[in-house]
């Protein structure tokens, strides 16, 4: 007899009021300890082989015909690989996978799409809206694991998509769908089928309120790839990241545009993060951030007004509030006449972009300085650098790649840290000025009009 935590799967021989693993109260449930005495015989076909006789072509990735998904997966999906995709409710996971299934079916592959959260009619309506109808795309609304395994046996698909793993349940084990025991059994059964048939499989996973994947932590260790699909509900931009990838890198990001007629890959997403107006008002500055290996040109906007009440406000969107507060302190300390303690300060990015790396400090500082002085920066100017508490401008990684991306999008002037260009070549037709201190950069751009 044993006791298992319904939240994290921790097992102990005695009952405890609080789980030592996840610290949840009252989640340990009694389980009958079953021991298996069945011995498994090793088949000749599954025995050990010399490594030079292993067919490496079975592990070569095949494209999914969705370019941004292929980028994140490392060139495509490997036969027999199991991909776990998670994300906030309503972010577009089902829409993305339906598009992937339809494109694979349009290129001749037989695809089995199993939905446990929606009816077949609801999925059909979405498929019509995003033009994802194909004859070899098979759709099944099913929540029983045995029935799904039977469909795989009968149809022999070339791609399996399960939306979602928390809705499937096995009749051979106890527990409700989505529970630790059921998720573990369902995942293990689907992974066995995927490996035995070299069937690429994509599983959708729910997330908890903390942002982690629901179910036992073992689930993330069993699968080959773990991806997260992110994006603000009020923004069109969606980003796909690989948290774990046994077949490729985890430092790249895929960008998608969520439109009314479906979801589309964004080969050049920087245009979403720039304002469309031709004028250049005070308080705007461009910078280049990096999402994985991809540089993105982002516009930062600032607005500073007199406080109507006794206490000043600080409101940000798309930028780190702590870094904005630090930049305000640096400006007040190093720029004569700039005192922002009694002003309302608003800072935001365009298009729902998120700036979290220190490389955006210089652009935030220059945007705030432009807003408080009322003088605009140059139209085709970009600021790239980290700002220390003393106001010193520091160099950032991958500066050459950032400058090349800025020049590709028409930027002609840039300010970077002093001696940052020592080992970096300046892009053609681009003027790069090195500044040692934020006061020097403000002096050059605003006070001298340069």
Protein backbone atom coordinates (compact mmCIF):
# COMPACT_ATOMS: atom_id res chain seq x y z
CA UNK A 1 0.00 0.00 0.00
CA UNK A 2 1.27 3.49 -0.86
CA UNK A 3 0.10 7.10 -0.95
CA UNK A 4 0.52 9.21 -4.09
CA UNK A 5 0.20 13.00 -4.45
CA UNK A 6 -2.49 13.94 -6.95
CA UNK A 7 -0.61 17.13 -7.88
CA UNK A 8 2.99 16.07 -8.51
CA UNK A 9 2.95 12.24 -8.31
CA UNK A 10 5.15 11.98 -5.20
CA UNK A 11 4.77 8.56 -3.55
CA UNK A 12 5.30 7.52 0.06
CA UNK A 13 4.47 4.47 2.21
CA UNK A 14 2.63 6.50 4.85
CA UNK A 15 0.00 9.21 4.69
CA UNK A 16 1.08 12.81 5.15
CA UNK A 17 -1.07 15.91 5.41
CA UNK A 18 1.32 17.90 3.24
CA UNK A 19 3.22 16.67 0.21
CA UNK A 20 7.00 17.07 0.77
CA UNK A 21 7.57 17.54 -2.98
CA UNK A 22 5.07 20.21 -4.06
CA UNK A 23 4.01 21.45 -0.58
CA UNK A 24 0.28 20.96 -1.38
CA UNK A 25 -2.10 20.07 1.47
CA UNK A 26 -4.44 17.09 1.46
CA UNK A 27 -3.39 15.73 -1.94
CA UNK A 28 -1.96 12.32 -0.93
CA UNK A 29 -4.32 9.53 -1.97
CA UNK A 30 -4.13 5.84 -1.12
CA UNK A 31 -3.05 3.52 -3.91
CA UNK A 32 -2.78 -0.23 -4.01
CA UNK A 33 0.80 -1.23 -4.60
CA UNK A 34 0.90 -3.67 -7.48
CA UNK A 35 4.02 -5.58 -8.38
CA UNK A 36 4.51 -7.15 -11.76
CA UNK A 37 6.10 -10.58 -11.98
CA UNK A 38 5.90 -10.82 -15.78
CA UNK A 39 9.29 -11.20 -17.42
CA UNK A 40 9.75 -9.58 -20.81
CA UNK A 41 11.56 -11.56 -23.47
CA UNK A 42 13.93 -9.66 -25.72
CA UNK A 43 12.96 -9.93 -29.37
CA UNK A 44 15.67 -10.45 -31.96
CA UNK A 45 14.50 -7.44 -33.94
CA UNK A 46 14.90 -5.18 -30.91
CA UNK A 47 18.27 -6.50 -29.76
CA UNK A 48 21.49 -4.55 -29.62
CA UNK A 49 23.27 -3.79 -32.90
CA UNK A 50 26.64 -2.35 -33.80
CA UNK A 51 26.30 1.43 -33.95
CA UNK A 52 27.60 1.59 -37.53
CA UNK A 53 24.68 -0.62 -38.62
CA UNK A 54 22.04 1.76 -37.28
CA UNK A 55 20.08 3.53 -40.01
CA UNK A 56 20.62 7.24 -39.30
CA UNK A 57 18.11 8.29 -41.95
CA UNK A 58 15.32 7.37 -39.52
CA UNK A 59 16.34 10.31 -37.32
CA UNK A 60 16.39 12.93 -40.07
CA UNK A 61 13.89 15.72 -39.66
CA UNK A 62 11.09 16.20 -42.19
CA UNK A 63 9.66 19.63 -42.81
CA UNK A 64 6.18 20.45 -41.56
CA UNK A 65 5.62 23.09 -44.29
CA UNK A 66 5.25 25.71 -41.54
CA UNK A 67 8.55 27.57 -41.75
CA UNK A 68 8.57 29.08 -38.27
CA UNK A 69 7.73 25.75 -36.65
CA UNK A 70 10.56 24.10 -38.61
CA UNK A 71 12.91 26.83 -37.38
CA UNK A 72 12.10 26.08 -33.72
CA UNK A 73 12.21 22.30 -34.12
CA UNK A 74 15.61 22.46 -35.83
CA UNK A 75 14.58 21.87 -39.45
CA UNK A 76 11.39 19.85 -39.02
CA UNK A 77 9.89 17.03 -37.01
CA UNK A 78 11.74 13.73 -36.65
CA UNK A 79 9.83 10.47 -37.34
CA UNK A 80 8.87 8.95 -33.99
CA UNK A 81 9.43 12.21 -32.12
CA UNK A 82 6.88 13.31 -29.53
CA UNK A 83 6.36 17.07 -29.22
CA UNK A 84 4.57 18.61 -26.23
CA UNK A 85 3.04 22.03 -26.97
CA UNK A 86 1.78 24.19 -24.11
CA UNK A 87 0.41 27.71 -23.79
CA UNK A 88 -2.21 29.96 -22.26
CA UNK A 89 -5.87 29.20 -23.06
CA UNK A 90 -6.93 31.00 -26.22
CA UNK A 91 -3.41 31.79 -27.41
CA UNK A 92 -3.92 29.77 -30.61
CA UNK A 93 -2.45 26.31 -30.00
CA UNK A 94 -5.32 24.48 -31.69
CA UNK A 95 -5.34 26.90 -34.62
CA UNK A 96 -1.60 26.44 -35.16
CA UNK A 97 -1.78 22.65 -35.04
CA UNK A 98 -4.82 22.52 -37.32
CA UNK A 99 -2.85 24.57 -39.84
CA UNK A 100 0.12 22.21 -39.46
CA UNK A 101 -2.15 19.18 -39.96
CA UNK A 102 -3.81 20.68 -43.04
CA UNK A 103 -0.53 21.59 -44.73
CA UNK A 104 0.90 18.13 -44.10
CA UNK A 105 -2.27 16.59 -45.54
CA UNK A 106 -2.16 18.87 -48.59
CA UNK A 107 1.33 17.53 -49.36
CA UNK A 108 0.11 13.93 -49.32
CA UNK A 109 0.55 12.82 -45.71
CA UNK A 110 -2.24 11.07 -43.82
CA UNK A 111 -2.88 13.01 -40.60
CA UNK A 112 -4.99 11.97 -37.61
CA UNK A 113 -6.22 14.91 -35.53
CA UNK A 114 -7.79 13.82 -32.22
CA UNK A 115 -9.73 16.47 -30.31
CA UNK A 116 -11.00 15.86 -26.80
CA UNK A 117 -12.02 19.41 -25.94
CA UNK A 118 -14.23 20.32 -28.89
CA UNK A 119 -16.73 18.56 -31.07
CA UNK A 120 -15.85 17.54 -34.60
CA UNK A 121 -18.25 20.19 -35.90
CA UNK A 122 -16.45 22.98 -34.02
CA UNK A 123 -13.10 21.93 -35.42
CA UNK A 124 -14.61 21.75 -38.91
CA UNK A 125 -15.86 25.34 -38.61
CA UNK A 126 -12.40 26.52 -37.59
CA UNK A 127 -10.86 24.57 -40.47
CA UNK A 128 -13.20 26.31 -42.92
CA UNK A 129 -12.28 29.71 -41.48
CA UNK A 130 -8.54 29.17 -41.84
CA UNK A 131 -8.78 27.18 -45.09
CA UNK A 132 -7.49 23.96 -43.51
CA UNK A 133 -9.61 21.36 -45.32
CA UNK A 134 -7.94 18.34 -46.91
CA UNK A 135 -9.11 14.85 -47.85
CA UNK A 136 -6.29 13.05 -46.03
CA UNK A 137 -6.84 14.99 -42.78
CA UNK A 138 -8.77 12.65 -40.48
CA UNK A 139 -10.64 14.20 -37.56
CA UNK A 140 -11.91 12.36 -34.48
CA UNK A 141 -13.56 13.68 -31.32
CA UNK A 142 -12.48 11.06 -28.80
CA UNK A 143 -11.45 10.93 -25.13
CA UNK A 144 -10.81 7.18 -24.69
CA UNK A 145 -7.20 6.07 -25.07
CA UNK A 146 -8.15 2.60 -26.32
CA UNK A 147 -10.21 4.08 -29.13
CA UNK A 148 -7.38 6.39 -30.16
CA UNK A 149 -4.91 3.49 -30.25
CA UNK A 150 -7.42 1.55 -32.35
CA UNK A 151 -7.63 4.44 -34.84
CA UNK A 152 -3.86 4.51 -35.10
CA UNK A 153 -3.85 0.76 -35.79
CA UNK A 154 -6.58 1.02 -38.43
CA UNK A 155 -5.62 4.24 -40.23
CA UNK A 156 -1.80 4.10 -39.93
CA UNK A 157 -1.38 7.89 -40.03
CA UNK A 158 1.90 9.67 -40.82
CA UNK A 159 1.28 12.44 -38.27
CA UNK A 160 -0.72 12.31 -35.04
CA UNK A 161 -2.01 15.38 -33.18
CA UNK A 162 -3.76 15.03 -29.80
CA UNK A 163 -5.58 18.07 -28.40
CA UNK A 164 -5.17 17.67 -25.51
CA UNK A 165 -3.44 14.96 -23.48
CA UNK A 166 -5.34 15.99 -20.32
CA UNK A 167 -8.66 15.02 -21.93
CA UNK A 168 -7.68 11.43 -22.74
CA UNK A 169 -8.24 8.66 -20.21
CA UNK A 170 -7.44 4.97 -20.03
CA UNK A 171 -9.96 2.49 -18.68
CA UNK A 172 -7.16 0.29 -17.35
CA UNK A 173 -6.04 2.69 -14.61
CA UNK A 174 -7.86 4.62 -11.93
CA UNK A 175 -8.20 8.38 -11.73
CA UNK A 176 -10.00 11.18 -13.51
CA UNK A 177 -8.86 12.54 -16.91
CA UNK A 178 -6.06 15.04 -16.39
CA UNK A 179 -4.96 13.45 -13.11
CA UNK A 180 -1.39 12.38 -12.47
CA UNK A 181 -2.05 8.67 -12.98
CA UNK A 182 -4.07 9.12 -16.16
CA UNK A 183 -1.68 11.61 -17.77
CA UNK A 184 1.27 9.34 -17.06
CA UNK A 185 -0.46 6.27 -18.54
CA UNK A 186 -1.80 8.09 -21.61
CA UNK A 187 1.55 9.71 -22.36
CA UNK A 188 3.43 6.44 -21.99
CA UNK A 189 1.03 4.61 -24.31
CA UNK A 190 1.18 7.28 -27.02
CA UNK A 191 4.96 7.50 -26.80
CA UNK A 192 5.25 3.72 -27.19
CA UNK A 193 3.12 3.87 -30.34
CA UNK A 194 5.09 6.78 -31.71
CA UNK A 195 8.44 5.04 -31.24
CA UNK A 196 7.23 1.67 -32.51
CA UNK A 197 5.67 3.13 -35.68
CA UNK A 198 8.11 6.03 -36.24
CA UNK A 199 5.00 8.19 -35.99
CA UNK A 200 5.64 11.90 -35.32
CA UNK A 201 3.23 12.96 -32.59
CA UNK A 202 2.23 16.36 -31.23
CA UNK A 203 0.54 16.55 -27.81
CA UNK A 204 -1.19 19.67 -26.49
CA UNK A 205 -0.69 20.23 -22.77
CA UNK A 206 -2.61 22.51 -20.42
CA UNK A 207 -0.76 24.85 -18.09
CA UNK A 208 -1.39 25.77 -14.47
CA UNK A 209 -1.94 29.26 -13.08
CA UNK A 210 1.80 29.42 -12.41
CA UNK A 211 2.53 28.93 -16.10
CA UNK A 212 3.92 25.40 -15.77
CA UNK A 213 2.64 22.39 -17.70
CA UNK A 214 -0.16 20.64 -15.82
CA UNK A 215 0.35 17.05 -14.77
CA UNK A 216 3.40 15.18 -13.47
CA UNK A 217 6.85 16.59 -14.15
CA UNK A 218 7.67 13.19 -15.61
CA UNK A 219 5.65 14.17 -18.71
CA UNK A 220 8.25 16.71 -19.81
CA UNK A 221 11.04 14.15 -19.37
CA UNK A 222 9.26 11.50 -21.44
CA UNK A 223 8.67 13.59 -24.56
CA UNK A 224 11.41 14.59 -27.01
CA UNK A 225 10.49 18.26 -27.49
CA UNK A 226 8.74 20.73 -25.19
CA UNK A 227 7.49 23.94 -26.83
CA UNK A 228 5.65 26.92 -25.39
CA UNK A 229 3.32 29.11 -27.43
CA UNK A 230 3.20 32.66 -26.09
CA UNK A 231 1.44 35.91 -26.89
CA UNK A 232 -0.81 38.62 -25.54
CA UNK A 233 -4.49 38.06 -26.23
CA UNK A 234 -4.85 41.64 -27.50
CA UNK A 235 -1.84 41.41 -29.80
CA UNK A 236 -1.49 39.66 -33.16
CA UNK A 237 2.04 38.47 -32.43
CA UNK A 238 2.59 34.90 -31.23
CA UNK A 239 5.97 33.38 -30.36
CA UNK A 240 6.93 29.72 -30.26
CA UNK A 241 9.91 28.64 -28.14
CA UNK A 242 11.52 25.27 -27.56
CA UNK A 243 12.25 24.67 -23.87
CA UNK A 244 13.64 21.19 -24.55
CA UNK A 245 14.71 19.70 -27.88
CA UNK A 246 16.55 16.42 -28.29
CA UNK A 247 17.00 16.97 -32.02
CA UNK A 248 17.98 20.62 -32.28
CA UNK A 249 18.75 23.89 -30.51
CA UNK A 250 16.59 25.59 -27.91
CA UNK A 251 17.82 29.15 -28.52
CA UNK A 252 15.61 30.05 -31.49
CA UNK A 253 12.11 31.49 -31.62
CA UNK A 254 9.31 31.29 -34.18
CA UNK A 255 7.07 34.26 -34.86
CA UNK A 256 3.47 34.03 -36.03
CA UNK A 257 0.77 36.52 -36.95
CA UNK A 258 -2.67 35.65 -35.57
CA UNK A 259 -5.19 36.97 -38.10
CA UNK A 260 -8.91 36.42 -38.64
CA UNK A 261 -8.28 33.90 -41.40
CA UNK A 262 -5.77 31.85 -39.42
CA UNK A 263 -2.20 31.94 -38.24
CA UNK A 264 0.70 32.77 -40.52
CA UNK A 265 4.46 32.48 -40.22
CA UNK A 266 6.32 35.78 -39.92
CA UNK A 267 9.66 35.64 -41.69
CA UNK A 268 10.25 39.34 -40.92
CA UNK A 269 8.33 40.28 -37.75
CA UNK A 270 10.08 43.60 -37.08
CA UNK A 271 7.40 45.51 -38.99
CA UNK A 272 4.86 44.69 -36.28
CA UNK A 273 6.91 46.61 -33.70
CA UNK A 274 7.17 49.93 -35.53
CA UNK A 275 4.62 52.74 -35.64
CA UNK A 276 3.02 53.47 -39.01
CA UNK A 277 3.05 57.28 -38.77
CA UNK A 278 5.58 59.13 -40.88
CA UNK A 279 6.30 61.81 -38.27
CA UNK A 280 8.76 61.39 -35.42
CA UNK A 281 7.28 62.78 -32.17
CA UNK A 282 9.35 63.29 -29.01
CA UNK A 283 9.63 60.28 -26.73
CA UNK A 284 10.25 57.61 -29.39
CA UNK A 285 13.43 55.61 -29.91
CA UNK A 286 14.32 52.44 -31.77
CA UNK A 287 16.39 49.54 -30.47
CA UNK A 288 17.25 46.00 -31.57
CA UNK A 289 16.41 43.19 -29.16
CA UNK A 290 17.14 39.51 -29.63
CA UNK A 291 14.64 36.69 -29.27
CA UNK A 292 16.82 33.61 -29.32
CA UNK A 293 19.02 34.00 -32.39
CA UNK A 294 16.63 36.41 -34.10
CA UNK A 295 17.19 40.19 -33.92
CA UNK A 296 14.01 42.30 -33.81
CA UNK A 297 13.72 46.04 -34.37
CA UNK A 298 11.44 47.48 -31.68
CA UNK A 299 10.17 50.99 -31.02
CA UNK A 300 10.03 52.34 -27.46
CA UNK A 301 7.65 55.20 -26.66
CA UNK A 302 7.62 57.39 -23.54
CA UNK A 303 5.25 60.04 -22.26
CA UNK A 304 5.95 62.32 -19.28
CA UNK A 305 3.27 64.61 -17.87
CA UNK A 306 2.70 66.61 -14.73
CA UNK A 307 1.14 64.61 -11.93
CA UNK A 308 -2.46 65.60 -11.22
CA UNK A 309 -2.43 64.19 -7.70
CA UNK A 310 0.03 64.20 -4.90
CA UNK A 311 1.70 60.93 -5.92
CA UNK A 312 3.34 60.35 -9.30
CA UNK A 313 2.42 57.34 -11.44
CA UNK A 314 4.69 54.88 -13.23
CA UNK A 315 2.94 52.79 -15.89
CA UNK A 316 4.71 50.48 -18.37
CA UNK A 317 3.69 48.04 -21.10
CA UNK A 318 6.11 45.72 -22.85
CA UNK A 319 9.12 46.90 -20.82
CA UNK A 320 10.39 45.85 -17.41
CA UNK A 321 9.07 48.26 -14.77
CA UNK A 322 12.16 47.85 -12.59
CA UNK A 323 14.48 48.76 -15.46
CA UNK A 324 12.38 51.81 -16.34
CA UNK A 325 12.54 52.95 -12.71
CA UNK A 326 16.32 52.47 -12.77
CA UNK A 327 16.65 54.46 -16.01
CA UNK A 328 14.60 57.30 -14.49
CA UNK A 329 16.96 57.40 -11.51
CA UNK A 330 20.03 57.39 -13.79
CA UNK A 331 18.66 60.27 -15.87
CA UNK A 332 17.75 62.34 -12.81
CA UNK A 333 21.23 61.80 -11.37
CA UNK A 334 23.28 62.46 -14.53
CA UNK A 335 21.31 64.93 -16.69
CA UNK A 336 21.18 68.50 -15.31
CA UNK A 337 17.68 69.89 -14.95
CA UNK A 338 15.94 66.52 -15.33
CA UNK A 339 13.88 65.83 -12.20
CA UNK A 340 11.09 63.29 -12.71
CA UNK A 341 10.07 62.52 -9.12
CA UNK A 342 6.85 64.55 -9.39
CA UNK A 343 5.90 63.56 -12.95
CA UNK A 344 3.73 60.79 -14.30
CA UNK A 345 5.82 58.52 -16.52
CA UNK A 346 4.42 56.14 -19.14
CA UNK A 347 6.59 53.80 -21.22
CA UNK A 348 5.47 51.21 -23.77
CA UNK A 349 6.51 49.28 -26.84
CA UNK A 350 4.68 49.17 -30.17
CA UNK A 351 2.88 46.04 -31.35
CA UNK A 352 3.02 44.06 -28.12
CA UNK A 353 6.78 43.46 -28.17
CA UNK A 354 8.51 42.68 -24.87
CA UNK A 355 11.86 44.19 -23.93
CA UNK A 356 13.52 42.34 -21.07
CA UNK A 357 17.23 42.29 -21.91
CA UNK A 358 19.61 45.05 -20.77
CA UNK A 359 20.49 45.92 -24.39
CA UNK A 360 17.33 48.07 -24.51
CA UNK A 361 18.46 50.34 -21.64
CA UNK A 362 19.96 52.99 -23.91
CA UNK A 363 16.81 53.24 -26.03
CA UNK A 364 14.63 53.55 -22.92
CA UNK A 365 16.89 56.28 -21.53
CA UNK A 366 16.94 58.24 -24.78
CA UNK A 367 13.17 57.86 -25.16
CA UNK A 368 12.61 59.26 -21.66
CA UNK A 369 15.11 62.08 -22.25
CA UNK A 370 13.40 62.97 -25.51
CA UNK A 371 10.01 63.01 -23.82
CA UNK A 372 11.10 65.23 -20.93
CA UNK A 373 12.90 67.73 -23.18
CA UNK A 374 10.24 67.70 -25.89
CA UNK A 375 12.84 67.24 -28.63
CA UNK A 376 12.55 64.32 -31.07
CA UNK A 377 15.36 61.96 -32.00
CA UNK A 378 16.47 61.33 -35.54
CA UNK A 379 14.06 59.30 -37.67
CA UNK A 380 16.48 56.58 -38.76
CA UNK A 381 18.33 56.22 -35.49
CA UNK A 382 18.78 53.24 -33.16
CA UNK A 383 20.25 53.00 -29.66
CA UNK A 384 21.81 49.73 -28.47
CA UNK A 385 23.51 49.40 -25.10
CA UNK A 386 23.25 48.58 -21.42
CA UNK A 387 23.23 51.38 -18.85
CA UNK A 388 24.93 50.96 -15.46
CA UNK A 389 23.84 52.77 -12.31
CA UNK A 390 26.65 55.27 -12.85
CA UNK A 391 25.28 56.10 -16.31
CA UNK A 392 28.02 54.29 -18.23
CA UNK A 393 27.01 52.74 -21.56
CA UNK A 394 28.14 49.12 -21.81
CA UNK A 395 28.51 46.83 -24.78
CA UNK A 396 26.02 44.03 -25.47
CA UNK A 397 26.36 40.61 -27.17
CA UNK A 398 25.80 40.10 -30.91
CA UNK A 399 26.16 43.81 -31.70
CA UNK A 400 27.13 43.17 -35.32
CA UNK A 401 24.02 41.09 -35.96
CA UNK A 402 21.84 43.76 -34.38
CA UNK A 403 23.36 46.55 -36.49
CA UNK A 404 22.99 44.53 -39.69
CA UNK A 405 19.31 43.97 -38.94
CA UNK A 406 18.82 47.68 -38.27
CA UNK A 407 20.55 48.62 -41.53
CA UNK A 408 18.48 46.08 -43.45
CA UNK A 409 15.37 47.89 -42.29
CA UNK A 410 16.63 51.31 -43.36
CA UNK A 411 18.36 52.59 -40.20
CA UNK A 412 21.31 54.88 -41.01
CA UNK A 413 22.54 56.04 -37.55
CA UNK A 414 23.28 54.26 -34.29
CA UNK A 415 24.77 54.92 -30.87
CA UNK A 416 26.61 52.13 -29.06
CA UNK A 417 29.05 51.79 -26.16
CA UNK A 418 32.60 53.10 -26.38
CA UNK A 419 35.00 50.68 -28.12
CA UNK A 420 32.08 48.38 -28.94
CA UNK A 421 33.01 48.48 -32.65
CA UNK A 422 36.57 47.27 -32.09
CA UNK A 423 35.85 43.78 -33.44
CA UNK A 424 32.63 44.60 -35.29
CA UNK A 425 32.43 45.81 -38.89
CA UNK A 426 30.18 48.78 -39.55
CA UNK A 427 27.36 48.05 -42.03
CA UNK A 428 27.50 49.87 -45.36
CA UNK A 429 25.96 53.36 -45.46
CA UNK A 430 25.52 53.39 -41.69
CA UNK A 431 27.04 55.84 -39.21
CA UNK A 432 27.78 54.38 -35.78
CA UNK A 433 28.84 56.68 -32.95
CA UNK A 434 30.41 55.40 -29.76
CA UNK A 435 29.50 57.08 -26.46
CA UNK A 436 30.93 56.34 -23.04
CA UNK A 437 28.20 57.88 -20.84
CA UNK A 438 24.46 58.48 -21.09
CA UNK A 439 25.07 62.21 -20.55
CA UNK A 440 27.27 62.23 -23.65
CA UNK A 441 24.59 60.49 -25.73
CA UNK A 442 21.90 62.92 -24.58
CA UNK A 443 24.22 65.85 -25.24
CA UNK A 444 24.91 64.67 -28.78
CA UNK A 445 21.33 63.78 -29.74
CA UNK A 446 19.19 66.35 -27.94
CA UNK A 447 21.13 69.32 -26.69
CA UNK A 448 23.33 69.71 -29.74
CA UNK A 449 20.71 68.49 -32.18
CA UNK A 450 23.07 65.85 -33.53
